[in-house]
C-alpha atoms as a PDB file:
ATOM      1  CA  MET A   1      14.105  51.646 -71.720  1.00  0.00           C
ATOM      2  CA  SER A   2      11.145  49.670 -72.896  1.00  0.00           C
ATOM      3  CA  LEU A   3       7.886  49.355 -70.991  1.00  0.00           C
ATOM      4  CA  ALA A   4       8.686  45.754 -70.041  1.00  0.00           C
ATOM      5  CA  ASP A   5      12.057  46.746 -68.607  1.00  0.00           C
ATOM      6  CA  THR A   6      10.400  49.542 -66.627  1.00  0.00           C
ATOM      7  CA  ALA A   7       7.838  47.059 -65.189  1.00  0.00           C
ATOM      8  CA  ARG A   8      10.577  44.627 -64.162  1.00  0.00           C
ATOM      9  CA  VAL A   9      12.537  47.373 -62.363  1.00  0.00           C
ATOM     10  CA  ALA A  10       9.358  48.563 -60.591  1.00  0.00           C
ATOM     11  CA  GLY A  11       8.537  44.977 -59.518  1.00  0.00           C
ATOM     12  CA  LYS A  12      11.973  44.487 -58.035  1.00  0.00           C
ATOM     13  CA  ALA A  13      11.670  47.753 -56.126  1.00  0.00           C
ATOM     14  CA  PHE A  14       8.279  46.739 -54.682  1.00  0.00           C
ATOM     15  CA  ARG A  15       9.637  43.307 -53.640  1.00  0.00           C
ATOM     16  CA  THR A  16      12.622  44.914 -51.944  1.00  0.00           C
ATOM     17  CA  PHE A  17      10.373  47.369 -50.124  1.00  0.00           C
ATOM     18  CA  GLY A  18       8.021  44.530 -49.035  1.00  0.00           C
ATOM     19  CA  VAL A  19      10.865  42.426 -47.629  1.00  0.00           C
ATOM     20  CA  ALA A  20      12.237  45.413 -45.706  1.00  0.00           C
ATOM     21  CA  PHE A  21       8.767  46.198 -44.331  1.00  0.00           C
ATOM     22  CA  ALA A  22       8.224  42.567 -43.236  1.00  0.00           C
ATOM     23  CA  LEU A  23      11.592  42.377 -41.510  1.00  0.00           C
ATOM     24  CA  THR A  24      11.048  45.631 -39.683  1.00  0.00           C
ATOM     25  CA  PHE A  25       7.469  45.233 -38.416  1.00  0.00           C
ATOM     26  CA  GLY A  26       7.410  41.437 -38.358  1.00  0.00           C
ATOM     27  CA  ALA A  27      10.294  41.327 -35.886  1.00  0.00           C
ATOM     28  CA  ASN A  28       8.429  43.696 -33.573  1.00  0.00           C
ATOM     29  CA  ALA A  29       5.279  41.576 -33.774  1.00  0.00           C
ATOM     30  CA  ILE A  30       7.199  38.386 -33.070  1.00  0.00           C
ATOM     31  CA  ALA A  31       8.913  39.980 -30.069  1.00  0.00           C
ATOM     32  CA  ALA A  32       5.607  41.229 -28.696  1.00  0.00           C
ATOM     33  CA  ALA A  33       3.615  37.991 -29.267  1.00  0.00           C
ATOM     34  CA  PRO A  34       5.183  35.790 -26.545  1.00  0.00           C
ATOM     35  CA  ALA A  35       4.332  38.357 -23.865  1.00  0.00           C
ATOM     36  CA  ALA A  36       0.742  37.108 -23.381  1.00  0.00           C
ATOM     37  CA  PRO A  37       1.486  33.353 -23.065  1.00  0.00           C
ATOM     38  CA  VAL A  38       4.375  33.989 -20.675  1.00  0.00           C
ATOM     39  CA  ALA A  39       2.182  36.035 -18.349  1.00  0.00           C
ATOM     40  CA  ALA A  40      -0.673  33.525 -18.514  1.00  0.00           C
ATOM     41  CA  ALA A  41       1.452  30.384 -18.190  1.00  0.00           C
ATOM     42  CA  PRO A  42       2.059  30.548 -14.424  1.00  0.00           C
ATOM     43  CA  VAL A  43      -1.670  30.890 -13.755  1.00  0.00           C
ATOM     44  CA  ALA A  44      -2.660  27.936 -15.911  1.00  0.00           C
ATOM     45  CA  VAL A  45       0.156  25.583 -14.968  1.00  0.00           C
ATOM     46  CA  GLU A  46       0.910  26.452 -11.364  1.00  0.00           C
ATOM     47  CA  SER A  47      -2.619  25.989 -10.017  1.00  0.00           C
ATOM     48  CA  PRO A  48      -3.195  22.407 -11.186  1.00  0.00           C
ATOM     49  CA  ALA A  49       0.321  21.413 -10.131  1.00  0.00           C
ATOM     50  CA  ALA A  50      -0.136  22.812  -6.649  1.00  0.00           C
ATOM     51  CA  VAL A  51      -3.516  21.120  -6.280  1.00  0.00           C
ATOM     52  CA  ALA A  52      -2.357  17.817  -7.755  1.00  0.00           C
ATOM     53  CA  ALA A  53       0.775  17.531  -5.615  1.00  0.00           C
ATOM     54  CA  PRO A  54      -0.996  16.462  -2.356  1.00  0.00           C
ATOM     55  CA  ALA A  55      -3.142  13.975  -4.255  1.00  0.00           C
ATOM     56  CA  ALA A  56      -0.041  12.479  -5.862  1.00  0.00           C
ATOM     57  CA  ASP A  57       1.686  12.246  -2.481  1.00  0.00           C
ATOM     58  CA  ALA A  58      -1.372  10.526  -0.995  1.00  0.00           C
ATOM     59  CA  ALA A  59      -1.438   8.042  -3.856  1.00  0.00           C
ATOM     60  CA  VAL A  60       2.231   7.212  -3.275  1.00  0.00           C
ATOM     61  CA  ASP A  61       1.643   6.779   0.455  1.00  0.00           C
ATOM     62  CA  ALA A  62      -1.403   4.542  -0.038  1.00  0.00           C
ATOM     63  CA  GLY A  63       0.188   2.345  -2.669  1.00  0.00           C
ATOM     64  CA  PRO A  64      -1.654  -0.194  -4.837  1.00  0.00           C
ATOM     65  CA  TYR A  65      -3.754  -2.907  -3.228  1.00  0.00           C
ATOM     66  CA  THR A  66      -2.318  -6.400  -3.022  1.00  0.00           C
ATOM     67  CA  PRO A  67      -4.106  -9.251  -1.206  1.00  0.00           C
ATOM     68  CA  MET A  68      -2.644  -9.880   2.245  1.00  0.00           C
ATOM     69  CA  ALA A  69      -1.050 -13.259   2.897  1.00  0.00           C
ATOM     70  CA  PRO A  70      -2.549 -15.094   5.898  1.00  0.00           C
ATOM     71  CA  THR A  71      -0.475 -15.643   9.033  1.00  0.00           C
ATOM     72  CA  PRO A  72      -0.272 -19.350   9.983  1.00  0.00           C
ATOM     73  CA  GLY A  73      -2.332 -20.003  13.102  1.00  0.00           C
ATOM     74  CA  LYS A  74      -3.907 -16.536  13.121  1.00  0.00           C
ATOM     75  CA  GLY A  75      -7.605 -16.222  12.369  1.00  0.00           C
ATOM     76  CA  MET A  76      -7.895 -19.885  11.382  1.00  0.00           C
ATOM     77  CA  PRO A  77      -8.233 -23.350  12.953  1.00  0.00           C
ATOM     78  CA  VAL A  78      -4.994 -25.087  13.943  1.00  0.00           C
ATOM     79  CA  ASP A  79      -4.074 -28.761  14.056  1.00  0.00           C
ATOM     80  CA  LYS A  80      -4.907 -30.434  17.389  1.00  0.00           C
ATOM     81  CA  GLY A  81      -6.564 -27.275  18.659  1.00  0.00           C
ATOM     82  CA  TRP A  82      -8.867 -27.970  21.595  1.00  0.00           C
ATOM     83  CA  THR A  83      -9.995 -24.521  22.782  1.00  0.00           C
ATOM     84  CA  PHE A  84     -11.125 -21.229  21.289  1.00  0.00           C
ATOM     85  CA  GLN A  85      -9.104 -19.528  18.594  1.00  0.00           C
ATOM     86  CA  ASP A  86      -7.051 -16.489  19.624  1.00  0.00           C
ATOM     87  CA  GLN A  87      -9.298 -13.441  19.622  1.00  0.00           C
ATOM     88  CA  TYR A  88      -8.693 -10.226  17.657  1.00  0.00           C
ATOM     89  CA  SER A  89     -11.745  -8.164  18.638  1.00  0.00           C
ATOM     90  CA  PRO A  90     -12.562  -6.447  21.973  1.00  0.00           C
ATOM     91  CA  THR A  91     -15.693  -8.541  22.537  1.00  0.00           C
ATOM     92  CA  GLY A  92     -13.770 -11.699  21.651  1.00  0.00           C
ATOM     93  CA  GLN A  93     -11.068 -10.929  24.174  1.00  0.00           C
ATOM     94  CA  GLU A  94     -13.699 -10.144  26.818  1.00  0.00           C
ATOM     95  CA  ALA A  95     -15.534 -13.383  26.080  1.00  0.00           C
ATOM     96  CA  LEU A  96     -12.323 -15.418  26.168  1.00  0.00           C
ATOM     97  CA  TRP A  97     -11.403 -13.853  29.529  1.00  0.00           C
ATOM     98  CA  MET A  98     -14.862 -14.688  30.907  1.00  0.00           C
ATOM     99  CA  HIS A  99     -14.497 -18.275  29.722  1.00  0.00           C
ATOM    100  CA  ASP A 100     -11.001 -18.730  31.150  1.00  0.00           C
ATOM    101  CA  ALA A 101     -11.357 -16.741  34.390  1.00  0.00           C
ATOM    102  CA  ILE A 102     -14.984 -17.421  35.398  1.00  0.00           C
ATOM    103  CA  LEU A 103     -16.714 -20.226  33.548  1.00  0.00           C
ATOM    104  CA  MET A 104     -13.922 -22.807  33.498  1.00  0.00           C
ATOM    105  CA  PRO A 105     -13.053 -22.456  37.222  1.00  0.00           C
ATOM    106  CA  VAL A 106     -16.736 -22.715  38.169  1.00  0.00           C
ATOM    107  CA  ILE A 107     -17.255 -25.709  35.872  1.00  0.00           C
ATOM    108  CA  VAL A 108     -14.165 -27.498  37.194  1.00  0.00           C
ATOM    109  CA  ALA A 109     -15.075 -26.787  40.840  1.00  0.00           C
ATOM    110  CA  ILE A 110     -18.652 -28.052  40.418  1.00  0.00           C
ATOM    111  CA  SER A 111     -17.490 -31.146  38.533  1.00  0.00           C
ATOM    112  CA  ILE A 112     -14.936 -32.025  41.240  1.00  0.00           C
ATOM    113  CA  LEU A 113     -17.487 -31.416  44.021  1.00  0.00           C
ATOM    114  CA  VAL A 114     -20.079 -33.643  42.361  1.00  0.00           C
ATOM    115  CA  LEU A 115     -17.459 -36.345  41.746  1.00  0.00           C
ATOM    116  CA  ILE A 116     -16.407 -36.274  45.420  1.00  0.00           C
ATOM    117  CA  LEU A 117     -20.027 -36.498  46.574  1.00  0.00           C
ATOM    118  CA  LEU A 118     -20.661 -39.464  44.275  1.00  0.00           C
ATOM    119  CA  VAL A 119     -17.588 -41.288  45.591  1.00  0.00           C
ATOM    120  CA  VAL A 120     -18.585 -40.591  49.216  1.00  0.00           C
ATOM    121  CA  VAL A 121     -22.123 -41.814  48.624  1.00  0.00           C
ATOM    122  CA  ALA A 122     -20.910 -44.930  46.810  1.00  0.00           C
ATOM    123  CA  VAL A 123     -18.431 -45.813  49.566  1.00  0.00           C
ATOM    124  CA  LYS A 124     -20.277 -44.753  52.706  1.00  0.00           C
ATOM    125  CA  PHE A 125     -23.866 -45.500  51.892  1.00  0.00           C
ATOM    126  CA  ASN A 126     -23.753 -48.784  50.035  1.00  0.00           C
ATOM    127  CA  LYS A 127     -25.591 -51.875  51.308  1.00  0.00           C
ATOM    128  CA  ARG A 128     -22.438 -53.480  52.701  1.00  0.00           C
ATOM    129  CA  ALA A 129     -21.534 -50.409  54.807  1.00  0.00           C
ATOM    130  CA  ASN A 130     -25.126 -49.707  55.834  1.00  0.00           C
ATOM    131  CA  PRO A 131     -27.221 -52.877  56.089  1.00  0.00           C
ATOM    132  CA  VAL A 132     -30.010 -50.807  57.619  1.00  0.00           C
ATOM    133  CA  ALA A 133     -30.962 -47.834  55.492  1.00  0.00           C
ATOM    134  CA  SER A 134     -31.333 -44.403  57.101  1.00  0.00           C
ATOM    135  CA  LYS A 135     -34.867 -43.075  57.542  1.00  0.00           C
ATOM    136  CA  THR A 136     -33.807 -39.377  57.310  1.00  0.00           C
ATOM    137  CA  SER A 137     -36.184 -37.490  55.032  1.00  0.00           C
ATOM    138  CA  HIS A 138     -35.297 -33.803  55.629  1.00  0.00           C
ATOM    139  CA  ASN A 139     -32.226 -31.770  56.500  1.00  0.00           C
ATOM    140  CA  THR A 140     -32.922 -28.035  56.634  1.00  0.00           C
ATOM    141  CA  LEU A 141     -29.288 -26.940  56.425  1.00  0.00           C
ATOM    142  CA  ILE A 142     -28.525 -29.093  53.391  1.00  0.00           C
ATOM    143  CA  GLU A 143     -31.687 -27.931  51.601  1.00  0.00           C
ATOM    144  CA  VAL A 144     -30.840 -24.263  52.231  1.00  0.00           C
ATOM    145  CA  VAL A 145     -27.268 -24.773  51.029  1.00  0.00           C
ATOM    146  CA  TRP A 146     -28.162 -26.594  47.830  1.00  0.00           C
ATOM    147  CA  THR A 147     -30.688 -23.863  47.011  1.00  0.00           C
ATOM    148  CA  LEU A 148     -28.601 -20.774  47.770  1.00  0.00           C
ATOM    149  CA  VAL A 149     -25.241 -21.916  46.411  1.00  0.00           C
ATOM    150  CA  PRO A 150     -26.542 -22.506  42.823  1.00  0.00           C
ATOM    151  CA  VAL A 151     -28.323 -19.126  42.957  1.00  0.00           C
ATOM    152  CA  LEU A 152     -25.085 -17.373  43.948  1.00  0.00           C
ATOM    153  CA  ILE A 153     -23.175 -19.200  41.238  1.00  0.00           C
ATOM    154  CA  LEU A 154     -25.699 -18.096  38.615  1.00  0.00           C
ATOM    155  CA  VAL A 155     -25.492 -14.480  39.825  1.00  0.00           C
ATOM    156  CA  VAL A 156     -21.692 -14.548  39.563  1.00  0.00           C
ATOM    157  CA  ILE A 157     -21.983 -15.862  35.995  1.00  0.00           C
ATOM    158  CA  ALA A 158     -24.881 -13.582  35.016  1.00  0.00           C
ATOM    159  CA  VAL A 159     -23.149 -10.241  35.698  1.00  0.00           C
ATOM    160  CA  PRO A 160     -20.265 -10.616  33.178  1.00  0.00           C
ATOM    161  CA  SER A 161     -22.562 -12.515  30.785  1.00  0.00           C
ATOM    162  CA  ILE A 162     -25.076  -9.656  30.554  1.00  0.00           C
ATOM    163  CA  ARG A 163     -22.262  -7.121  30.240  1.00  0.00           C
ATOM    164  CA  LEU A 164     -20.711  -9.114  27.390  1.00  0.00           C
ATOM    165  CA  LEU A 165     -24.086  -9.461  25.669  1.00  0.00           C
ATOM    166  CA  ALA A 166     -24.649  -5.702  25.908  1.00  0.00           C
ATOM    167  CA  HIS A 167     -21.207  -4.976  24.459  1.00  0.00           C
ATOM    168  CA  GLN A 168     -21.865  -7.281  21.513  1.00  0.00           C
ATOM    169  CA  TYR A 169     -24.973  -5.317  20.575  1.00  0.00           C
ATOM    170  CA  ASP A 170     -23.747  -1.758  21.106  1.00  0.00           C
ATOM    171  CA  PRO A 171     -25.061   0.372  18.207  1.00  0.00           C
ATOM    172  CA  ALA A 172     -22.591   1.366  15.514  1.00  0.00           C
ATOM    173  CA  PRO A 173     -21.251   4.914  15.904  1.00  0.00           C
ATOM    174  CA  LYS A 174     -21.907   7.582  13.310  1.00  0.00           C
ATOM    175  CA  GLY A 175     -19.489   7.345  10.422  1.00  0.00           C
ATOM    176  CA  ALA A 176     -18.820   3.617  10.800  1.00  0.00           C
ATOM    177  CA  VAL A 177     -18.161   1.775   7.548  1.00  0.00           C
ATOM    178  CA  THR A 178     -21.223  -0.253   6.531  1.00  0.00           C
ATOM    179  CA  VAL A 179     -20.978  -3.662   4.879  1.00  0.00           C
ATOM    180  CA  LYS A 180     -24.160  -5.461   3.870  1.00  0.00           C
ATOM    181  CA  VAL A 181     -23.613  -9.229   3.944  1.00  0.00           C
ATOM    182  CA  THR A 182     -26.032 -11.283   1.827  1.00  0.00           C
ATOM    183  CA  GLY A 183     -26.177 -15.058   2.094  1.00  0.00           C
ATOM    184  CA  TYR A 184     -26.975 -16.892  -1.137  1.00  0.00           C
ATOM    185  CA  GLN A 185     -27.250 -20.594  -1.928  1.00  0.00           C
ATOM    186  CA  TRP A 186     -24.315 -21.119  -1.695  1.00  0.00           C
ATOM    187  CA  TYR A 187     -21.981 -18.156  -1.601  1.00  0.00           C
ATOM    188  CA  TRP A 188     -21.685 -14.724   0.009  1.00  0.00           C
ATOM    189  CA  GLY A 189     -22.140 -11.218  -1.343  1.00  0.00           C
ATOM    190  CA  TYR A 190     -20.630  -8.122   0.289  1.00  0.00           C
ATOM    191  CA  THR A 191     -22.104  -4.721  -0.585  1.00  0.00           C
ATOM    192  CA  TYR A 192     -20.457  -1.411   0.391  1.00  0.00           C
ATOM    193  CA  PRO A 193     -23.204   1.266   0.410  1.00  0.00           C
ATOM    194  CA  ASP A 194     -20.861   3.931   1.837  1.00  0.00           C
ATOM    195  CA  ASN A 195     -18.318   3.435  -0.934  1.00  0.00           C
ATOM    196  CA  GLY A 196     -20.350   3.516  -4.126  1.00  0.00           C
ATOM    197  CA  GLY A 197     -22.681   0.569  -3.536  1.00  0.00           C
ATOM    198  CA  PHE A 198     -20.605  -2.052  -5.362  1.00  0.00           C
ATOM    199  CA  GLU A 199     -20.986  -5.737  -4.449  1.00  0.00           C
ATOM    200  CA  VAL A 200     -18.216  -8.325  -4.116  1.00  0.00           C
ATOM    201  CA  VAL A 201     -19.303 -11.920  -4.775  1.00  0.00           C
ATOM    202  CA  SER A 202     -17.295 -14.506  -2.819  1.00  0.00           C
ATOM    203  CA  ASN A 203     -17.028 -18.182  -3.757  1.00  0.00           C
ATOM    204  CA  MET A 204     -14.902 -20.933  -2.256  1.00  0.00           C
ATOM    205  CA  LEU A 205     -11.644 -21.790  -4.008  1.00  0.00           C
ATOM    206  CA  SER A 206     -10.846 -25.345  -4.984  1.00  0.00           C
ATOM    207  CA  GLU A 207      -8.419 -27.191  -2.735  1.00  0.00           C
ATOM    208  CA  GLU A 208      -5.688 -26.946  -5.374  1.00  0.00           C
ATOM    209  CA  ASP A 209      -6.114 -23.181  -5.846  1.00  0.00           C
ATOM    210  CA  ALA A 210      -6.211 -22.603  -2.087  1.00  0.00           C
ATOM    211  CA  HIS A 211      -2.894 -24.417  -1.600  1.00  0.00           C
ATOM    212  CA  LYS A 212      -1.335 -22.450  -4.460  1.00  0.00           C
ATOM    213  CA  ARG A 213      -2.223 -19.240  -2.638  1.00  0.00           C
ATOM    214  CA  GLY A 214      -0.937 -20.554   0.680  1.00  0.00           C
ATOM    215  CA  GLU A 215      -4.387 -20.603   2.302  1.00  0.00           C
ATOM    216  CA  PRO A 216      -6.309 -23.331   4.154  1.00  0.00           C
ATOM    217  CA  SER A 217      -8.558 -25.426   1.940  1.00  0.00           C
ATOM    218  CA  HIS A 218     -12.337 -25.103   2.316  1.00  0.00           C
ATOM    219  CA  LEU A 219     -11.786 -21.661   3.886  1.00  0.00           C
ATOM    220  CA  ALA A 220     -10.100 -19.691   1.082  1.00  0.00           C
ATOM    221  CA  VAL A 221     -12.257 -17.673  -1.334  1.00  0.00           C
ATOM    222  CA  ASP A 222     -11.732 -15.908  -4.641  1.00  0.00           C
ATOM    223  CA  ASN A 223     -12.914 -12.490  -3.375  1.00  0.00           C
ATOM    224  CA  ARG A 224     -12.561 -11.533   0.286  1.00  0.00           C
ATOM    225  CA  MET A 225     -14.606  -9.196   2.425  1.00  0.00           C
ATOM    226  CA  VAL A 226     -12.128  -6.325   2.878  1.00  0.00           C
ATOM    227  CA  VAL A 227     -12.626  -3.929   5.802  1.00  0.00           C
ATOM    228  CA  PRO A 228     -10.528  -1.351   7.672  1.00  0.00           C
ATOM    229  CA  ALA A 229      -8.787  -2.472  10.851  1.00  0.00           C
ATOM    230  CA  GLY A 230      -8.897  -0.525  14.103  1.00  0.00           C
ATOM    231  CA  GLU A 231     -12.304   1.067  13.597  1.00  0.00           C
ATOM    232  CA  PRO A 232     -15.946   0.006  14.065  1.00  0.00           C
ATOM    233  CA  ILE A 233     -17.689  -1.635  11.120  1.00  0.00           C
ATOM    234  CA  ARG A 234     -21.456  -1.874  10.800  1.00  0.00           C
ATOM    235  CA  ILE A 235     -22.316  -5.391   9.567  1.00  0.00           C
ATOM    236  CA  GLN A 236     -25.832  -5.850   8.201  1.00  0.00           C
ATOM    237  CA  THR A 237     -26.903  -9.378   7.266  1.00  0.00           C
ATOM    238  CA  ILE A 238     -29.781 -10.666   5.160  1.00  0.00           C
ATOM    239  CA  GLY A 239     -30.582 -13.934   3.389  1.00  0.00           C
ATOM    240  CA  ALA A 240     -31.492 -13.983  -0.292  1.00  0.00           C
ATOM    241  CA  ASP A 241     -33.199 -17.385  -0.166  1.00  0.00           C
ATOM    242  CA  VAL A 242     -32.961 -19.283   3.148  1.00  0.00           C
ATOM    243  CA  ILE A 243     -31.472 -18.581   6.587  1.00  0.00           C
ATOM    244  CA  HIS A 244     -27.676 -18.407   6.670  1.00  0.00           C
ATOM    245  CA  ALA A 245     -25.332 -17.351   9.498  1.00  0.00           C
ATOM    246  CA  PHE A 246     -22.284 -15.153   9.086  1.00  0.00           C
ATOM    247  CA  ALA A 247     -19.716 -16.396  11.625  1.00  0.00           C
ATOM    248  CA  VAL A 248     -15.990 -15.720  12.155  1.00  0.00           C
ATOM    249  CA  PRO A 249     -14.735 -17.515  15.306  1.00  0.00           C
ATOM    250  CA  SER A 250     -11.485 -15.550  15.810  1.00  0.00           C
ATOM    251  CA  LEU A 251     -13.485 -12.277  15.827  1.00  0.00           C
ATOM    252  CA  TRP A 252     -16.206 -13.640  18.143  1.00  0.00           C
ATOM    253  CA  PHE A 253     -18.781 -12.701  15.534  1.00  0.00           C
ATOM    254  CA  LYS A 254     -21.911 -14.553  14.516  1.00  0.00           C
ATOM    255  CA  LEU A 255     -25.106 -13.089  13.072  1.00  0.00           C
ATOM    256  CA  ASP A 256     -27.985 -14.792  11.282  1.00  0.00           C
ATOM    257  CA  ALA A 257     -28.847 -13.760   7.723  1.00  0.00           C
ATOM    258  CA  VAL A 258     -32.636 -14.058   7.472  1.00  0.00           C
ATOM    259  CA  PRO A 259     -34.610 -13.469   4.243  1.00  0.00           C
ATOM    260  CA  GLY A 260     -36.667 -10.282   4.386  1.00  0.00           C
ATOM    261  CA  ARG A 261     -34.997  -9.020   7.559  1.00  0.00           C
ATOM    262  CA  ILE A 262     -31.891  -6.919   8.226  1.00  0.00           C
ATOM    263  CA  ASN A 263     -29.854  -7.893  11.292  1.00  0.00           C
ATOM    264  CA  GLU A 264     -27.123  -5.542  12.454  1.00  0.00           C
ATOM    265  CA  LYS A 265     -24.096  -5.767  14.729  1.00  0.00           C
ATOM    266  CA  VAL A 266     -20.779  -3.964  15.132  1.00  0.00           C
ATOM    267  CA  LEU A 267     -17.510  -5.643  14.189  1.00  0.00           C
ATOM    268  CA  PHE A 268     -14.201  -4.233  15.439  1.00  0.00           C
ATOM    269  CA  ILE A 269     -10.932  -5.853  14.340  1.00  0.00           C
ATOM    270  CA  LYS A 270      -8.002  -4.744  16.443  1.00  0.00           C
ATOM    271  CA  GLU A 271      -5.199  -5.414  13.960  1.00  0.00           C
ATOM    272  CA  PRO A 272      -4.688  -6.131  10.256  1.00  0.00           C
ATOM    273  CA  GLY A 273      -4.870  -9.746   9.192  1.00  0.00           C
ATOM    274  CA  VAL A 274      -6.843 -12.442   7.381  1.00  0.00           C
ATOM    275  CA  TYR A 275      -9.615 -14.109   9.392  1.00  0.00           C
ATOM    276  CA  TYR A 276     -11.622 -17.152   8.308  1.00  0.00           C
ATOM    277  CA  GLY A 277     -15.145 -18.312   9.069  1.00  0.00           C
ATOM    278  CA  GLN A 278     -18.015 -20.337   7.628  1.00  0.00           C
ATOM    279  CA  CYS A 279     -21.772 -20.297   7.322  1.00  0.00           C
ATOM    280  CA  SER A 280     -23.099 -21.600  10.655  1.00  0.00           C
ATOM    281  CA  GLU A 281     -26.708 -22.302   9.726  1.00  0.00           C
ATOM    282  CA  LEU A 282     -27.685 -25.430   7.813  1.00  0.00           C
ATOM    283  CA  CYS A 283     -28.782 -23.898   4.507  1.00  0.00           C
ATOM    284  CA  GLY A 284     -28.810 -26.744   1.977  1.00  0.00           C
ATOM    285  CA  VAL A 285     -26.644 -29.367   0.328  1.00  0.00           C
ATOM    286  CA  ARG A 286     -23.660 -27.035  -0.178  1.00  0.00           C
ATOM    287  CA  HIS A 287     -23.836 -25.483   3.272  1.00  0.00           C
ATOM    288  CA  GLY A 288     -20.292 -26.655   4.015  1.00  0.00           C
ATOM    289  CA  TYR A 289     -18.919 -24.926   0.906  1.00  0.00           C
ATOM    290  CA  MET A 290     -19.605 -21.254   1.577  1.00  0.00           C
ATOM    291  CA  PRO A 291     -16.655 -20.084   3.688  1.00  0.00           C
ATOM    292  CA  ILE A 292     -15.959 -16.522   4.821  1.00  0.00           C
ATOM    293  CA  THR A 293     -12.639 -14.696   4.508  1.00  0.00           C
ATOM    294  CA  VAL A 294     -12.325 -11.282   6.133  1.00  0.00           C
ATOM    295  CA  GLU A 295      -9.265  -9.215   5.269  1.00  0.00           C
ATOM    296  CA  ALA A 296      -8.626  -6.305   7.654  1.00  0.00           C
ATOM    297  CA  LEU A 297      -6.328  -3.598   6.278  1.00  0.00           C
ATOM    298  CA  PRO A 298      -5.032  -0.220   7.446  1.00  0.00           C
ATOM    299  CA  ARG A 299      -7.301   2.636   6.344  1.00  0.00           C
ATOM    300  CA  ASP A 300      -5.084   3.779   3.431  1.00  0.00           C
ATOM    301  CA  LYS A 301      -4.804   0.234   2.056  1.00  0.00           C
ATOM    302  CA  PHE A 302      -8.554  -0.257   2.441  1.00  0.00           C
ATOM    303  CA  GLU A 303      -9.206   2.899   0.420  1.00  0.00           C
ATOM    304  CA  ALA A 304      -6.745   1.709  -2.220  1.00  0.00           C
ATOM    305  CA  TRP A 305      -8.729  -1.540  -2.450  1.00  0.00           C
ATOM    306  CA  VAL A 306     -12.042   0.354  -2.732  1.00  0.00           C
ATOM    307  CA  LYS A 307     -10.687   2.301  -5.703  1.00  0.00           C
ATOM    308  CA  THR A 308      -9.918  -0.954  -7.535  1.00  0.00           C
ATOM    309  CA  GLN A 309     -13.598  -1.947  -7.433  1.00  0.00           C
ATOM    310  CA  PRO A 310     -16.015  -0.923 -10.222  1.00  0.00           C
ATOM    311  CA  GLY A 311     -17.744   2.242  -9.027  1.00  0.00           C
ATOM    312  CA  GLY A 312     -15.815   2.258  -5.746  1.00  0.00           C
ATOM    313  CA  THR A 313     -15.529   5.676  -4.084  1.00  0.00           C
ATOM    314  CA  VAL A 314     -13.882   7.005  -0.937  1.00  0.00           C
ATOM    315  CA  GLY A 315     -16.027   9.589   0.887  1.00  0.00           C
ATOM    316  CA  PRO A 316     -13.596  12.337   1.941  1.00  0.00           C
ATOM    317  CA  ALA A 317     -11.603  12.231  -1.314  1.00  0.00           C
ATOM    318  CA  GLU A 318     -14.742  12.437  -3.447  1.00  0.00           C
ATOM    319  CA  GLU A 319     -16.143  15.379  -1.464  1.00  0.00           C
ATOM    320  CA  ALA A 320     -12.907  17.333  -1.908  1.00  0.00           C
ATOM    321  CA  ALA A 321     -12.708  16.639  -5.671  1.00  0.00           C
ATOM    322  CA  PRO A 322     -15.387  19.178  -6.810  1.00  0.00           C
ATOM    323  CA  ALA A 323     -13.366  21.988  -5.173  1.00  0.00           C
ATOM    324  CA  VAL A 324     -10.500  21.216  -7.573  1.00  0.00           C
ATOM    325  CA  VAL A 325     -12.639  21.489 -10.702  1.00  0.00           C
ATOM    326  CA  PRO A 326     -13.457  25.238 -10.465  1.00  0.00           C
ATOM    327  CA  ALA A 327      -9.778  26.035  -9.806  1.00  0.00           C
ATOM    328  CA  ALA A 328      -8.698  24.104 -12.873  1.00  0.00           C
ATOM    329  CA  ALA A 329     -11.528  25.553 -14.965  1.00  0.00           C
ATOM    330  CA  ALA A 330     -10.703  29.117 -13.890  1.00  0.00           C
ATOM    331  CA  ALA A 331      -7.126  28.943 -15.217  1.00  0.00           C
ATOM    332  CA  PRO A 332      -7.994  28.815 -18.953  1.00  0.00           C
ATOM    333  CA  ALA A 333     -10.536  31.635 -18.436  1.00  0.00           C
ATOM    334  CA  GLU A 334      -7.744  33.982 -17.375  1.00  0.00           C
ATOM    335  CA  ALA A 335      -5.764  33.510 -20.626  1.00  0.00           C
ATOM    336  CA  PRO A 336      -8.083  35.609 -22.863  1.00  0.00           C
ATOM    337  CA  ALA A 337      -7.912  38.432 -20.324  1.00  0.00           C
ATOM    338  CA  ALA A 338      -4.119  38.367 -20.499  1.00  0.00           C
ATOM    339  CA  ASP A 339      -4.266  38.355 -24.310  1.00  0.00           C
ATOM    340  CA  ALA A 340      -6.631  41.300 -24.300  1.00  0.00           C
ATOM    341  CA  SER A 341      -4.372  43.320 -22.052  1.00  0.00           C
ATOM    342  CA  ALA A 342      -1.371  42.471 -24.235  1.00  0.00           C
ATOM    343  CA  ALA A 343      -3.040  43.574 -27.474  1.00  0.00           C
ATOM    344  CA  PRO A 344      -2.870  47.332 -26.903  1.00  0.00           C
ATOM    345  CA  ALA A 345       0.809  47.039 -25.887  1.00  0.00           C
ATOM    346  CA  ALA A 346       1.552  45.551 -29.311  1.00  0.00           C
END
């Protein structure tokens, strides 16, 4: 056998031995390798899934924000209306009750009494019925009556009036949502300092666009002031240029917006809906073209709306978020430990 033939035979033997070695030890290595990922997988995958599940459920419950359609006759003027709009706030309902149960009866009674007295005087004390005029100059009883009766009437009116005034200026409770309302010439800006500090700029829609959206003209806006229903809201007003007035009749709410000064009052809307108002302070040539649209939503829908705004945040959800980060970050850190423990077994 030549040297070349001997080398070829030796090469084949080495290749055969190498293949056998690779099949024998390679199979063991392949079988041992999956052990580490399988042990680590539940730690890395389970934790985020368990944490993310409640958040996903909450997102499904809240649903995406869609602008609420107004209810005809609710929160807006109506054709041939001759009294106050229906009220959807506690102070509005109290004020409407005071008007209907106290003020109107007193006004009607006084008006009828004065009318009767005028008719009696005109009929009984004219020149034809009394050719000789009476010389009476004093009547103690009449003077006492016409002094005391008006005082009593004013006291009856004053008690519920002062109570209503006090209720309108109760301070906002801790945790109330704050909305800063800024009056500009001639539009409104709504800032949400508790939800990231973003500002919503609100301009009146054209008559054509308002009708397309099914809203009353000269009251519909492109961006509404969105607030939660059924909870107190801290409204702070200020004017950017001249004095404006933020007023929504169906919520019995009116507050001046004065440059350089913050005015504050609590707004409570009893039920979801769309409520319209207008600037109520003459503020320039386009004073009549800066309407107000307040959209009151359930809390979950309000939070969904906040999240659609640039920089919008929801307090409780944002505070809980950092607790999720360490849990998610800890999962990858456990994988090397599992690999290290698996290495000696191989």
